[in-house]
Structures are given as C-alpha cells and as structure tokens.
Amino acid sequence: MKRAVTRRKHNKSRTGCKQCKQRRVKCDESLPSCRRCIGATRACSLTDTAPLSATRISCSPTLLSPPVSSQSDSRITDSGAYSAIPVGRESAGTPGSLFTASHLELLHHFLTSFEQSAIHDSIRGVRLCRITARYAYSTPYLLDQVLAFSAAHKSTIMDDSQRREFLLAEAVYLQTRALTKFNLVQHNLSEDNCLQVYLFSSLLSQQAIFEALSFSGELPGLLDRLISSLALCRGVIAVAALWWRPIRIKLAAEMGESTDGQAEEEASWARGTLPRGHFAKILQLIAQCSLNQPAKDACERAIRLLQQMADDQGSLTAPPLEQSGFVQRWLVMLPVELSDLVSQRRPEALVILAGFGLIVHNTKGYWDYGSSGRHLIESISRYLGPYWNPMLEPILQVVHKDDTLASRH
C-alpha cells in the first residue's frame, strides 16, 4: 500500500519576476533585479520598473532618467546624503534594507585586506585607497561603489565557489545601486564634489572591465560584455571630464603631488609614437583594408596608444598597480569608431584588440586580470581562423614565450 505524500505548503509569489515563475522557484523580488537572475546573469522582468538593469547592457548612466522612488530611495536626500542607515540581517536586495553586516565586512576588506593583497607594494595606491574611503563616508554613491569594488576583489581570493558566486552577484547589485544614486545627484555636481565623481568613475570602470575580461567563455560573449562595460563607463567618465582641471588639482593636493607640466604631458602622450614590430604590421593592415578614412584614423590612434603603453610597461619598474592602469586607460580612450567596429566583429578591429590583449597580459600579476590577456588573444585567434594567423602569430608567440619563462621560475 502506497503511503500518502504530504507536499510542503508553498506560498506563491504574485509579484515575483517572470523568470522565477517560469522556473517555479521563489523570487526574492529585490530591485532592480532579483538575486536569482543576477546570479544567472540573465535579464529580470523586475527591471521594467527599476531604474537600472543588473546586467547593464548598453546602459549609459548619463542617458538614464532619475529612478523611480522606492522605500530605500526615500532615505536619500536631494544632496545624496543618508537620512538614516539601518543595518540588519537581511540581504542587501531586500526592499528597505540599505546596509547589512556583509557590507561592513566588505568595507573592512577594502580598508585592510585589499591593501595587503592587491596594492601592498604601491605607496601611491595605498594612499589613493584611503582617500577614496574617506570621501566615501559622506558620498552614498561612492560608498556603494567602494563596497562593490571590494566584493569583486574578494571574489578572486575565495576558494569556496558558492561564496565566490555570491560576491560576484553582490558586486553587480551594489554597483547598480551606486549608479542609481549617482543618477540622482549627477546634475548637482560642482568643484566641491567633483573629486568624488572621479574616484567613483575610476572604481566603476575598473570593476566593469574586470567583469568583462574575467569572462571565461568564447569571444562573442566576451565582446558583448566588453562593449557593454565601455558604454557604462563612458557615461560616468564623460561627467567627470567636465571637471577635469579642478579634479586634477584636488587630486594632486590630496596625494601630495605637483601638477606642473602634467597637462602638457597628457596632451602630447602617444602623439609621436611610431608603431614597431607586430604593431607596425597591424598598422599596415589597416592602411590596406577597405575601411573608410575616419575608421582608419581611429584605428591608427588606438595602435599608437598600444605601442606607447607597451613601451612604458617595458621600461617601468613600478609595481603591478601602476602598470595595470594602462588597461583601463586604453579602453577609456578607445575611439568610438573602433568600438563600433569591434561590435560589428570586423577582423581588423579584432586584430587590434588582440594587440590590446598583450597590454592586459603584461599586467597578469595584478588581481584584476590574471590570465585574461592570454584568453582574449587566443579567443580572437580561434574566432578569426587560419587566414588571420600570420597577423596574430607574433602576438601569440610573445604571450607563450612569456608564460614559458614564468613557469620555469
């Protein structure tokens, strides 16, 4: 005789996202995207009523309208300051909860473990980290971005895969929340708070690039994430660029550095650099291809920047932190025309991107990148096929030779 099976009572969620309903799983209904969808990196129907998408596809903050108010948003004043900061045991995705014990742990990690494991050999990096934390205490969007950045870094030193996935999802959530708050105050920026915007944009772009380059799948998915990250970064960086002169002066004062000749150095950077070796071959390829002249000019600028960065990386005795800045710098300076060519999967643009992979590979000692430079180059080589091997083989040889020497030591 069969025993009757008593099914556990389950209260259906009438307001959960469509994706969780289709999978018949409980939705936590957190905004702007439920945690199950964030963890699976898929679109969530809750974003239809949320200010930002957790996946941030083609999401440029400067083009977004102010977000819809929620219970947690009502705690933020027009100036961006918190009227109250409740701390509870609930998840950060729970409506009405701003900070949790996990967030305090992430802040502690940023102030202690991050310095020890990521920038311990850079006095300038440690100083910048502490300045960022000091300004974050009074700037809500910067504080959330600091926590997001800390979660991303902590995920790279975790052996527990479940904990690592949680931290990566939390990094996405906190960065989305930071952008929401930034949208509220971006039209009230001035010389008094422009340095906070610069610090925010620096952490934002570094985290977005890390998330894109750490993707371990094949090239199409990697390119989609990279282009999406660039669109995200450009919006915030464009706001910071409006205040670049006061930002430069304030940052130098905070760091105890001089600004003499800095503007001239930035203006002339890479203008007179002549591509050599494999970069010269890529430049020759661009000159002979069927692209229009504006596109060719954009490609040439990008190649010259790559050569200058490769030269600087080869001559620097600075720690990995200083060299890793070139990765972020090239992507931020990437001409829009070349970004469009990458989106179109134009082979010429992908060959240039493989050259950028060398810059990433040279910073493999920094926590952001690891083997992502090599993965980018090899993915492009597989995608383009044998016809393009003569252009990519010299780049692959440099990477493989470098890795062979590193393994011997």
Foldseek 3Di string as FASTA:
>chain_A
DDDDDDDDDDDDDPPAWPVCVVVVHDFLLFPPATLVCLLVLHWTPSVVQFQATLNLQLPFLLPGAAHDDFLCNVQADLQRFGPDQDEDCDDCRHGPHPYYPVLVVLLVCLLPVCCVQFVVQPPLVNLLSVVLSVVCVGHPLSSLLSSLLSLQLVLLVDPDPVSSSVSPSSSSVSNRVSSSSCSSCLVVDDLVCLLNLVSSLVSLLLSQCLVLLVDLDFDVSSLSSLLSSLSHSQNSVVSSVVVVVSNVVVVCVSSVHDCVCVVVCVVCQLPPADDDDLLNVLLVVLVPDDDDDVLNVLLVSLSSLLRSLVVCLVPDPGDLVVLVVSLSVSSNVRDPSLSVCVVVVPLSSLLSVLSSLLSLLSSLVGSSGNCSSVSSLVSSDVVVDDVCCVSSVVSNVVSVVVVVVVVVD
